[in-house]
Each structure stands twice: as structure tokens, then as C-alpha cells.
N, C-alpha and C. Protein backbone atom coordinates (compact mmCIF):
# COMPACT_ATOMS: atom_id res chain seq x y z
N UNK A 1 -28.53 -10.48 -20.22
CA UNK A 1 -27.18 -10.35 -20.72
C UNK A 1 -26.70 -8.91 -20.56
N UNK A 2 -27.57 -7.95 -20.88
CA UNK A 2 -27.17 -6.55 -20.77
C UNK A 2 -26.86 -6.19 -19.32
N UNK A 3 -27.64 -6.74 -18.39
CA UNK A 3 -27.40 -6.47 -16.97
C UNK A 3 -26.05 -7.04 -16.54
N UNK A 4 -25.76 -8.26 -16.95
CA UNK A 4 -24.49 -8.88 -16.60
C UNK A 4 -23.33 -8.09 -17.18
N UNK A 5 -23.45 -7.70 -18.44
CA UNK A 5 -22.40 -6.93 -19.08
C UNK A 5 -22.20 -5.59 -18.38
N UNK A 6 -23.31 -4.95 -18.00
CA UNK A 6 -23.22 -3.67 -17.31
C UNK A 6 -22.53 -3.84 -15.95
N UNK A 7 -22.86 -4.91 -15.22
CA UNK A 7 -22.23 -5.16 -13.93
C UNK A 7 -20.73 -5.39 -14.10
N UNK A 8 -20.35 -6.16 -15.12
CA UNK A 8 -18.94 -6.42 -15.38
C UNK A 8 -18.22 -5.11 -15.71
N UNK A 9 -18.82 -4.29 -16.56
CA UNK A 9 -18.19 -3.03 -16.94
C UNK A 9 -18.06 -2.09 -15.74
N UNK A 10 -19.04 -2.06 -14.87
CA UNK A 10 -18.96 -1.23 -13.66
C UNK A 10 -17.84 -1.74 -12.74
N UNK A 11 -17.75 -3.05 -12.62
CA UNK A 11 -16.69 -3.64 -11.80
C UNK A 11 -15.32 -3.31 -12.33
N UNK A 12 -15.16 -3.39 -13.64
CA UNK A 12 -13.89 -3.05 -14.27
C UNK A 12 -13.57 -1.58 -14.07
N UNK A 13 -14.56 -0.72 -14.19
CA UNK A 13 -14.34 0.71 -13.99
C UNK A 13 -13.83 0.99 -12.58
N UNK A 14 -14.39 0.30 -11.60
CA UNK A 14 -13.93 0.47 -10.22
C UNK A 14 -12.50 -0.03 -10.08
N UNK A 15 -12.19 -1.19 -10.68
CA UNK A 15 -10.86 -1.75 -10.56
C UNK A 15 -9.79 -0.88 -11.19
N UNK A 16 -10.07 -0.27 -12.30
CA UNK A 16 -9.06 0.52 -12.99
C UNK A 16 -9.08 2.00 -12.60
N UNK A 17 -9.93 2.36 -11.66
CA UNK A 17 -10.03 3.77 -11.28
C UNK A 17 -8.82 4.27 -10.49
N UNK A 18 -7.95 3.36 -10.02
CA UNK A 18 -6.70 3.78 -9.39
C UNK A 18 -6.84 4.27 -7.97
N UNK A 19 -7.62 3.62 -7.19
CA UNK A 19 -7.78 4.03 -5.80
C UNK A 19 -6.51 3.71 -5.01
N UNK A 20 -6.16 4.59 -4.10
CA UNK A 20 -4.95 4.41 -3.30
C UNK A 20 -5.25 3.57 -2.06
N UNK A 21 -4.17 3.15 -1.43
CA UNK A 21 -4.28 2.40 -0.17
C UNK A 21 -4.97 3.27 0.87
N UNK A 22 -5.67 2.62 1.78
CA UNK A 22 -6.25 3.34 2.91
C UNK A 22 -5.17 3.61 3.93
N UNK A 23 -5.24 4.75 4.59
CA UNK A 23 -4.24 5.13 5.59
C UNK A 23 -4.95 5.55 6.87
N UNK A 24 -4.51 4.97 7.98
CA UNK A 24 -4.98 5.39 9.30
C UNK A 24 -3.79 5.94 10.07
N UNK A 25 -3.94 7.12 10.63
CA UNK A 25 -2.88 7.77 11.40
C UNK A 25 -3.29 7.83 12.87
N UNK A 26 -2.33 7.58 13.74
CA UNK A 26 -2.58 7.65 15.18
C UNK A 26 -1.51 8.51 15.82
N UNK A 27 -1.91 9.50 16.59
CA UNK A 27 -0.97 10.33 17.34
C UNK A 27 -0.45 11.55 16.62
N UNK A 28 -0.85 11.73 15.38
CA UNK A 28 -0.44 12.92 14.62
C UNK A 28 -1.42 13.16 13.49
N UNK A 29 -1.33 14.33 12.91
CA UNK A 29 -2.15 14.70 11.75
C UNK A 29 -1.26 15.30 10.68
N UNK A 30 -1.73 15.22 9.46
CA UNK A 30 -1.03 15.92 8.38
C UNK A 30 -1.26 17.42 8.55
N UNK A 31 -0.31 18.23 8.11
CA UNK A 31 -0.55 19.68 8.15
C UNK A 31 -1.82 20.01 7.37
N UNK A 32 -2.52 21.04 7.82
CA UNK A 32 -3.80 21.41 7.21
C UNK A 32 -3.65 21.67 5.71
N UNK A 33 -4.62 21.17 4.96
CA UNK A 33 -4.67 21.32 3.49
C UNK A 33 -3.48 20.69 2.77
N UNK A 34 -2.87 19.67 3.37
CA UNK A 34 -1.73 18.99 2.73
C UNK A 34 -2.03 17.51 2.64
N UNK A 35 -1.52 16.90 1.60
CA UNK A 35 -1.60 15.45 1.43
C UNK A 35 -0.19 14.90 1.57
N UNK A 36 -0.09 13.59 1.75
CA UNK A 36 1.23 12.97 1.92
C UNK A 36 2.17 13.33 0.79
N UNK A 37 1.67 13.29 -0.44
CA UNK A 37 2.54 13.55 -1.60
C UNK A 37 3.06 14.99 -1.62
N UNK A 38 2.43 15.89 -0.87
CA UNK A 38 2.88 17.29 -0.80
C UNK A 38 4.01 17.49 0.20
N UNK A 39 4.23 16.51 1.08
CA UNK A 39 5.24 16.63 2.12
C UNK A 39 6.63 16.36 1.57
N UNK A 40 7.63 16.96 2.20
CA UNK A 40 9.02 16.77 1.78
C UNK A 40 9.54 15.42 2.25
N UNK A 41 10.43 14.84 1.46
CA UNK A 41 11.14 13.62 1.86
C UNK A 41 12.44 14.04 2.53
N UNK A 42 12.95 13.20 3.38
CA UNK A 42 14.25 13.42 4.01
C UNK A 42 14.92 12.06 4.17
N UNK A 43 16.21 12.04 4.39
CA UNK A 43 16.85 10.74 4.64
C UNK A 43 16.30 10.18 5.95
N UNK A 44 15.81 8.96 5.90
CA UNK A 44 15.24 8.36 7.11
C UNK A 44 15.49 6.86 7.11
N UNK A 45 15.66 6.31 8.27
CA UNK A 45 15.94 4.89 8.44
C UNK A 45 14.64 4.11 8.52
N UNK A 46 14.63 2.95 7.84
CA UNK A 46 13.47 2.04 7.92
C UNK A 46 13.98 0.70 8.43
N UNK A 47 13.37 0.23 9.49
CA UNK A 47 13.72 -1.09 10.04
C UNK A 47 12.43 -1.84 10.35
N UNK A 48 12.55 -3.15 10.36
CA UNK A 48 11.40 -4.01 10.67
C UNK A 48 11.60 -4.56 12.08
N UNK A 49 10.63 -4.30 12.95
CA UNK A 49 10.67 -4.75 14.34
C UNK A 49 12.00 -4.42 15.01
N UNK A 50 12.37 -3.15 14.94
CA UNK A 50 13.63 -2.67 15.51
C UNK A 50 13.66 -2.93 17.02
N UNK A 51 14.84 -3.23 17.50
CA UNK A 51 15.05 -3.43 18.93
C UNK A 51 15.59 -2.12 19.51
N UNK A 52 14.91 -1.61 20.51
CA UNK A 52 15.34 -0.36 21.14
C UNK A 52 14.80 -0.32 22.56
N UNK A 53 15.42 0.48 23.37
CA UNK A 53 14.97 0.69 24.74
C UNK A 53 13.86 1.74 24.70
N UNK A 54 12.70 1.39 25.20
CA UNK A 54 11.55 2.30 25.16
C UNK A 54 11.82 3.60 25.91
N UNK A 55 12.77 3.60 26.83
CA UNK A 55 13.13 4.83 27.55
C UNK A 55 13.97 5.77 26.69
N UNK A 56 14.52 5.25 25.58
CA UNK A 56 15.40 6.05 24.72
C UNK A 56 14.66 6.77 23.59
N UNK A 57 13.40 6.44 23.39
CA UNK A 57 12.69 7.00 22.23
C UNK A 57 11.36 7.62 22.62
N UNK A 58 10.88 8.45 21.72
CA UNK A 58 9.53 9.00 21.81
C UNK A 58 8.80 8.50 20.57
N UNK A 59 7.63 7.91 20.78
CA UNK A 59 6.80 7.49 19.64
C UNK A 59 6.00 8.72 19.22
N UNK A 60 6.30 9.20 18.01
CA UNK A 60 5.66 10.42 17.50
C UNK A 60 4.31 10.14 16.85
N UNK A 61 4.08 8.89 16.50
CA UNK A 61 2.82 8.52 15.86
C UNK A 61 2.95 7.15 15.23
N UNK A 62 1.83 6.66 14.78
CA UNK A 62 1.77 5.36 14.11
C UNK A 62 0.94 5.50 12.85
N UNK A 63 1.22 4.61 11.90
CA UNK A 63 0.53 4.65 10.62
C UNK A 63 0.19 3.22 10.20
N UNK A 64 -0.94 3.08 9.54
CA UNK A 64 -1.41 1.78 9.07
C UNK A 64 -1.88 1.96 7.62
N UNK A 65 -1.26 1.24 6.70
CA UNK A 65 -1.67 1.25 5.29
C UNK A 65 -2.39 -0.06 5.02
N UNK A 66 -3.61 0.03 4.49
CA UNK A 66 -4.42 -1.16 4.29
C UNK A 66 -5.11 -1.11 2.93
N UNK A 67 -5.60 -2.26 2.51
CA UNK A 67 -6.32 -2.38 1.26
C UNK A 67 -7.78 -2.01 1.51
N UNK A 68 -8.29 -1.06 0.75
CA UNK A 68 -9.67 -0.63 0.93
C UNK A 68 -10.67 -1.58 0.27
N UNK A 69 -10.16 -2.52 -0.51
CA UNK A 69 -11.03 -3.41 -1.29
C UNK A 69 -11.09 -2.96 -2.74
N UNK A 70 -10.76 -1.70 -2.98
CA UNK A 70 -10.73 -1.18 -4.34
C UNK A 70 -9.38 -0.52 -4.63
N UNK A 71 -8.39 -0.80 -3.78
CA UNK A 71 -7.07 -0.18 -3.93
C UNK A 71 -6.31 -0.81 -5.09
N UNK A 72 -5.71 0.03 -5.91
CA UNK A 72 -4.80 -0.45 -6.95
C UNK A 72 -3.48 0.29 -6.87
N UNK A 73 -3.48 1.50 -6.34
CA UNK A 73 -2.26 2.28 -6.17
C UNK A 73 -1.78 2.03 -4.74
N UNK A 74 -1.18 0.86 -4.54
CA UNK A 74 -0.88 0.46 -3.16
C UNK A 74 0.31 -0.48 -3.08
N UNK A 75 1.25 -0.34 -4.05
CA UNK A 75 2.42 -1.21 -3.99
C UNK A 75 3.37 -0.74 -2.89
N UNK A 76 4.40 -1.52 -2.65
CA UNK A 76 5.33 -1.24 -1.55
C UNK A 76 6.00 0.13 -1.68
N UNK A 77 6.43 0.48 -2.89
CA UNK A 77 7.10 1.78 -3.08
C UNK A 77 6.16 2.93 -2.75
N UNK A 78 4.91 2.84 -3.18
CA UNK A 78 3.92 3.88 -2.90
C UNK A 78 3.69 4.03 -1.39
N UNK A 79 3.47 2.91 -0.72
CA UNK A 79 3.17 2.93 0.72
C UNK A 79 4.38 3.43 1.51
N UNK A 80 5.57 2.92 1.21
CA UNK A 80 6.75 3.35 1.96
C UNK A 80 7.11 4.81 1.68
N UNK A 81 6.77 5.29 0.50
CA UNK A 81 6.97 6.72 0.22
C UNK A 81 6.09 7.56 1.14
N UNK A 82 4.84 7.14 1.32
CA UNK A 82 3.94 7.83 2.26
C UNK A 82 4.53 7.79 3.67
N UNK A 83 4.97 6.60 4.09
CA UNK A 83 5.55 6.45 5.43
C UNK A 83 6.73 7.41 5.60
N UNK A 84 7.62 7.46 4.61
CA UNK A 84 8.81 8.32 4.70
C UNK A 84 8.44 9.79 4.78
N UNK A 85 7.56 10.23 3.91
CA UNK A 85 7.16 11.64 3.91
C UNK A 85 6.51 12.04 5.23
N UNK A 86 5.63 11.18 5.74
CA UNK A 86 4.94 11.52 6.98
C UNK A 86 5.87 11.43 8.18
N UNK A 87 6.78 10.47 8.18
CA UNK A 87 7.75 10.37 9.28
C UNK A 87 8.64 11.61 9.31
N UNK A 88 9.04 12.08 8.15
CA UNK A 88 9.86 13.30 8.07
C UNK A 88 9.08 14.51 8.58
N UNK A 89 7.80 14.55 8.24
CA UNK A 89 7.00 15.72 8.64
C UNK A 89 6.83 15.83 10.16
N UNK A 90 6.92 14.71 10.87
CA UNK A 90 6.78 14.75 12.33
C UNK A 90 8.14 14.76 13.03
N UNK A 91 9.24 14.68 12.25
CA UNK A 91 10.57 14.72 12.84
C UNK A 91 11.10 13.40 13.35
N UNK A 92 10.66 12.29 12.77
CA UNK A 92 11.11 10.98 13.21
C UNK A 92 12.53 10.69 12.73
N UNK A 93 13.22 9.84 13.49
CA UNK A 93 14.54 9.33 13.10
C UNK A 93 14.42 7.95 12.47
N UNK A 94 13.37 7.22 12.84
CA UNK A 94 13.24 5.82 12.45
C UNK A 94 11.79 5.47 12.16
N UNK A 95 11.59 4.79 11.05
CA UNK A 95 10.29 4.18 10.76
C UNK A 95 10.44 2.72 11.16
N UNK A 96 9.72 2.33 12.18
CA UNK A 96 9.79 0.96 12.67
C UNK A 96 8.57 0.20 12.14
N UNK A 97 8.77 -0.60 11.11
CA UNK A 97 7.69 -1.41 10.54
C UNK A 97 7.36 -2.51 11.55
N UNK A 98 6.16 -2.48 12.08
CA UNK A 98 5.78 -3.46 13.11
C UNK A 98 5.01 -4.64 12.53
N UNK A 99 4.47 -4.44 11.33
CA UNK A 99 3.71 -5.51 10.67
C UNK A 99 3.70 -5.21 9.19
N UNK A 100 3.93 -6.23 8.36
CA UNK A 100 3.83 -6.02 6.92
C UNK A 100 3.35 -7.29 6.24
N UNK A 101 2.57 -7.08 5.20
CA UNK A 101 2.05 -8.17 4.38
C UNK A 101 2.26 -7.79 2.92
N UNK A 102 2.98 -8.62 2.23
CA UNK A 102 3.20 -8.38 0.81
C UNK A 102 1.97 -8.89 0.04
N UNK A 103 1.79 -8.41 -1.20
CA UNK A 103 0.65 -8.87 -2.00
C UNK A 103 0.59 -10.40 -2.03
N UNK A 104 -0.64 -10.89 -1.96
CA UNK A 104 -0.85 -12.35 -1.95
C UNK A 104 -2.20 -12.66 -2.59
N UNK A 105 -2.70 -13.84 -2.35
CA UNK A 105 -3.98 -14.25 -2.93
C UNK A 105 -5.17 -13.46 -2.42
N UNK A 106 -5.03 -12.79 -1.28
CA UNK A 106 -6.13 -12.04 -0.69
C UNK A 106 -6.13 -10.58 -1.09
N UNK A 107 -4.95 -10.06 -1.42
CA UNK A 107 -4.84 -8.64 -1.73
C UNK A 107 -3.67 -8.39 -2.67
N UNK A 108 -3.85 -7.45 -3.57
CA UNK A 108 -2.76 -7.05 -4.47
C UNK A 108 -1.96 -5.90 -3.86
N UNK A 109 -2.29 -5.52 -2.63
CA UNK A 109 -1.64 -4.40 -1.97
C UNK A 109 -0.56 -4.84 -0.99
N UNK A 110 0.43 -3.96 -0.83
CA UNK A 110 1.39 -4.06 0.26
C UNK A 110 0.71 -3.40 1.45
N UNK A 111 0.56 -4.13 2.54
CA UNK A 111 -0.10 -3.61 3.73
C UNK A 111 0.92 -3.58 4.87
N UNK A 112 0.95 -2.50 5.62
CA UNK A 112 1.95 -2.39 6.69
C UNK A 112 1.47 -1.45 7.79
N UNK A 113 2.07 -1.67 8.96
CA UNK A 113 1.88 -0.79 10.10
C UNK A 113 3.27 -0.38 10.58
N UNK A 114 3.39 0.84 11.06
CA UNK A 114 4.69 1.32 11.53
C UNK A 114 4.52 2.36 12.62
N UNK A 115 5.58 2.49 13.42
CA UNK A 115 5.67 3.55 14.41
C UNK A 115 6.76 4.51 13.95
N UNK A 116 6.56 5.79 14.21
CA UNK A 116 7.56 6.81 13.91
C UNK A 116 8.26 7.13 15.23
N UNK A 117 9.56 6.86 15.29
CA UNK A 117 10.32 7.02 16.52
C UNK A 117 11.35 8.13 16.41
N UNK A 118 11.53 8.83 17.52
CA UNK A 118 12.57 9.86 17.61
C UNK A 118 13.39 9.56 18.86
N UNK A 119 14.71 9.51 18.69
CA UNK A 119 15.59 9.24 19.82
C UNK A 119 15.77 10.48 20.68
N UNK A 120 15.67 10.30 21.98
CA UNK A 120 15.86 11.41 22.92
C UNK A 120 17.31 11.89 22.88
N UNK A 121 18.23 10.93 22.85
CA UNK A 121 19.66 11.25 22.73
C UNK A 121 19.96 11.35 21.23
N UNK A 122 20.18 12.56 20.76
CA UNK A 122 20.36 12.80 19.31
C UNK A 122 21.55 12.05 18.73
N UNK A 123 22.55 11.72 19.56
CA UNK A 123 23.71 10.96 19.06
C UNK A 123 23.32 9.54 18.66
N UNK A 124 22.34 8.97 19.33
CA UNK A 124 21.90 7.60 18.99
C UNK A 124 21.22 7.55 17.63
N UNK A 125 20.71 8.66 17.17
CA UNK A 125 20.04 8.71 15.88
C UNK A 125 21.04 8.77 14.72
N UNK A 126 22.27 9.17 14.99
CA UNK A 126 23.26 9.39 13.93
C UNK A 126 23.71 8.12 13.22
N UNK A 127 23.84 7.03 13.89
CA UNK A 127 24.39 5.82 13.28
C UNK A 127 23.36 4.82 12.78
N UNK A 128 22.12 5.23 12.68
CA UNK A 128 21.06 4.30 12.27
C UNK A 128 21.20 3.90 10.80
N UNK A 129 20.96 2.62 10.53
CA UNK A 129 20.96 2.11 9.16
C UNK A 129 19.65 1.37 8.91
N UNK A 130 19.16 1.51 7.69
CA UNK A 130 17.95 0.77 7.30
C UNK A 130 18.28 -0.71 7.15
N UNK A 131 17.29 -1.56 7.38
CA UNK A 131 17.44 -2.98 7.08
C UNK A 131 17.70 -3.13 5.59
N UNK A 132 18.52 -4.10 5.24
CA UNK A 132 18.92 -4.31 3.84
C UNK A 132 17.72 -4.48 2.91
N UNK A 133 16.66 -5.11 3.40
CA UNK A 133 15.51 -5.36 2.52
C UNK A 133 14.78 -4.08 2.11
N UNK A 134 15.09 -2.97 2.78
CA UNK A 134 14.47 -1.69 2.43
C UNK A 134 15.36 -0.82 1.54
N UNK A 135 16.36 -1.44 0.92
CA UNK A 135 17.19 -0.72 -0.05
C UNK A 135 16.26 -0.27 -1.18
N UNK A 136 16.38 0.98 -1.63
CA UNK A 136 15.46 1.50 -2.65
C UNK A 136 15.34 0.62 -3.90
N UNK A 137 16.45 0.07 -4.38
CA UNK A 137 16.36 -0.76 -5.59
C UNK A 137 15.56 -2.03 -5.35
N UNK A 138 15.63 -2.60 -4.15
CA UNK A 138 14.85 -3.81 -3.85
C UNK A 138 13.36 -3.48 -3.71
N UNK A 139 13.06 -2.34 -3.12
CA UNK A 139 11.66 -1.90 -2.99
C UNK A 139 11.06 -1.71 -4.38
N UNK A 140 11.80 -1.04 -5.25
CA UNK A 140 11.31 -0.80 -6.61
C UNK A 140 11.12 -2.11 -7.36
N UNK A 141 12.08 -3.01 -7.22
CA UNK A 141 11.97 -4.32 -7.89
C UNK A 141 10.71 -5.07 -7.45
N UNK A 142 10.46 -5.10 -6.14
CA UNK A 142 9.25 -5.78 -5.63
C UNK A 142 7.99 -5.07 -6.11
N UNK A 143 8.02 -3.75 -6.15
CA UNK A 143 6.85 -2.97 -6.58
C UNK A 143 6.53 -3.20 -8.05
N UNK A 144 7.56 -3.26 -8.89
CA UNK A 144 7.34 -3.52 -10.33
C UNK A 144 6.69 -4.88 -10.52
N UNK A 145 7.17 -5.89 -9.80
CA UNK A 145 6.58 -7.23 -9.90
C UNK A 145 5.12 -7.20 -9.44
N UNK A 146 4.86 -6.49 -8.36
CA UNK A 146 3.50 -6.38 -7.82
C UNK A 146 2.58 -5.69 -8.80
N UNK A 147 3.05 -4.59 -9.42
CA UNK A 147 2.23 -3.86 -10.39
C UNK A 147 1.91 -4.74 -11.60
N UNK A 148 2.87 -5.55 -12.03
CA UNK A 148 2.64 -6.45 -13.17
C UNK A 148 1.57 -7.47 -12.82
N UNK A 149 1.66 -8.05 -11.61
CA UNK A 149 0.63 -9.02 -11.18
C UNK A 149 -0.74 -8.36 -11.14
N UNK A 150 -0.81 -7.11 -10.65
CA UNK A 150 -2.08 -6.40 -10.58
C UNK A 150 -2.64 -6.16 -11.98
N UNK A 151 -1.79 -5.72 -12.91
CA UNK A 151 -2.23 -5.50 -14.30
C UNK A 151 -2.73 -6.80 -14.92
N UNK A 152 -2.00 -7.90 -14.66
CA UNK A 152 -2.42 -9.20 -15.19
C UNK A 152 -3.77 -9.61 -14.62
N UNK A 153 -3.98 -9.34 -13.32
CA UNK A 153 -5.26 -9.67 -12.68
C UNK A 153 -6.39 -8.86 -13.30
N UNK A 154 -6.16 -7.56 -13.49
CA UNK A 154 -7.19 -6.70 -14.08
C UNK A 154 -7.50 -7.13 -15.51
N UNK A 155 -6.46 -7.46 -16.28
CA UNK A 155 -6.65 -7.92 -17.65
C UNK A 155 -7.47 -9.20 -17.67
N UNK A 156 -7.14 -10.13 -16.77
CA UNK A 156 -7.89 -11.38 -16.70
C UNK A 156 -9.35 -11.12 -16.33
N UNK A 157 -9.57 -10.16 -15.43
CA UNK A 157 -10.93 -9.82 -15.02
C UNK A 157 -11.70 -9.19 -16.18
N UNK A 158 -11.05 -8.27 -16.89
CA UNK A 158 -11.69 -7.59 -18.01
C UNK A 158 -12.04 -8.59 -19.11
N UNK A 159 -11.11 -9.47 -19.43
CA UNK A 159 -11.35 -10.44 -20.50
C UNK A 159 -12.20 -11.62 -20.04
N UNK A 160 -11.97 -12.06 -18.83
CA UNK A 160 -12.66 -13.25 -18.33
C UNK A 160 -14.10 -13.00 -17.94
N UNK A 161 -14.40 -11.82 -17.41
CA UNK A 161 -15.77 -11.52 -16.97
C UNK A 161 -16.78 -11.61 -18.09
N UNK A 162 -16.61 -10.86 -19.18
CA UNK A 162 -17.57 -10.93 -20.28
C UNK A 162 -17.63 -12.34 -20.90
N UNK A 163 -16.48 -12.98 -21.02
CA UNK A 163 -16.46 -14.33 -21.59
C UNK A 163 -17.27 -15.29 -20.71
N UNK A 164 -17.08 -15.19 -19.40
CA UNK A 164 -17.85 -16.05 -18.48
C UNK A 164 -19.34 -15.73 -18.59
N UNK A 165 -19.67 -14.43 -18.72
CA UNK A 165 -21.07 -14.04 -18.87
C UNK A 165 -21.70 -14.64 -20.12
N UNK A 166 -20.97 -14.63 -21.21
CA UNK A 166 -21.48 -15.21 -22.46
C UNK A 166 -21.67 -16.71 -22.32
N UNK A 167 -20.72 -17.38 -21.70
CA UNK A 167 -20.83 -18.83 -21.50
C UNK A 167 -22.04 -19.16 -20.64
N UNK A 168 -22.21 -18.44 -19.55
CA UNK A 168 -23.35 -18.69 -18.65
C UNK A 168 -24.67 -18.39 -19.38
N UNK A 169 -24.70 -17.27 -20.08
CA UNK A 169 -25.91 -16.89 -20.80
C UNK A 169 -26.27 -17.94 -21.85
N UNK A 170 -25.28 -18.39 -22.60
CA UNK A 170 -25.51 -19.41 -23.63
C UNK A 170 -25.99 -20.71 -23.01
N UNK A 171 -25.39 -21.10 -21.91
CA UNK A 171 -25.74 -22.37 -21.27
C UNK A 171 -27.11 -22.34 -20.62
N UNK A 172 -27.57 -21.18 -20.20
CA UNK A 172 -28.84 -21.12 -19.46
C UNK A 172 -30.01 -20.60 -20.31
N UNK A 173 -29.75 -20.17 -21.52
CA UNK A 173 -30.81 -19.68 -22.39
C UNK A 173 -31.52 -20.88 -23.02
N UNK A 174 -32.85 -20.95 -22.88
CA UNK A 174 -33.56 -22.07 -23.50
C UNK A 174 -33.47 -21.97 -25.03
N UNK A 175 -33.23 -23.10 -25.64
CA UNK A 175 -33.14 -23.16 -27.11
C UNK A 175 -34.37 -23.86 -27.65
N UNK A 176 -35.06 -23.24 -28.56
CA UNK A 176 -36.23 -23.84 -29.18
C UNK A 176 -35.76 -24.68 -30.38
N UNK A 177 -36.03 -25.95 -30.35
CA UNK A 177 -35.64 -26.84 -31.45
C UNK A 177 -36.84 -27.30 -32.19
């Protein structure tokens, strides 16, 4: 019983430790001794699978946000904030989300891949608009719902794990009558 309880407590400690989403960068690096949260934000356009002529843009880099298996700080607002800060740091005009997965039964994280694009003709960059689904209020709304689901999952794990351990222990312990 003590071993089971210890395993449950260690698992809970890992879950509530607040690990961030995993990030893979391709084609660029963060400035030395800087983290994403240290970078400046700038106004930037976010689109999903944007249509553009490949001759009109330069791909400055790509980014992939994924669930590490222990990620809890990985909602959509957190991930897109990283994307925005890093896109600004490389001088992008557009964050082109090429793949995204919202939290589901497999992961409580928002997972996405994107390319950072810069238009060769600076006038083409002036009229860019973000897709409506990336309006800040909608991102925050989805993130709040996601965080609540994650908290509920952790609470269920914290309460359910020890209870399940007690039930299993009681059911499998020989009783002398």
C-alpha cells in the first residue's frame, strides 16, 4: 500500500509541476541566453494554411509545439504567444499554422506547427489580416476552457488514484476469518 501511495504521489507531483510544451525550431535559433518569454511581441498576422506564391515569400523558420507527456503549461494562448514572440524576433510578417491539434482525449495540450514567412515585396505584407479564429478573445476563451479541463483531470487523478489504490488493496488483501 505504501508503495502504491508513493507512486501515486510521485505521479501527481509530476503532473502538477507545470512543465511547458516542447518546442522544436528549424531554420533559426533564439538569441543567446534568451527564452521565448524574454522576446518582444509585435503586431503579427496568424493564418491557418495560408495561400501564397512561394516565389513571393522567404521562409525564415519553422516551429513545432508538442506535448512532452508531462506538459501542463501548453494551452493555445501559451503556445501562440511563443509563436508570436519568436516570429517577431526573426522579422516574420506571417505565422502560417500548417498543422494544429486542440486538446483531446490523447493530450491536454494545444499542439501546432507553423512556418514564419516574410514577404519579399514589403507592400504585400501591409494588408495582411489574421484568420478570425485567431482573434485574441477567442484564443483566450479556448485556453480558459482547456485549463479548466486540465485542472479537472488533475483533480480526478489526485482523488481517484489513492481511492483506486485503497479499493485494489482491500480487494486483494487476504482476510483471516
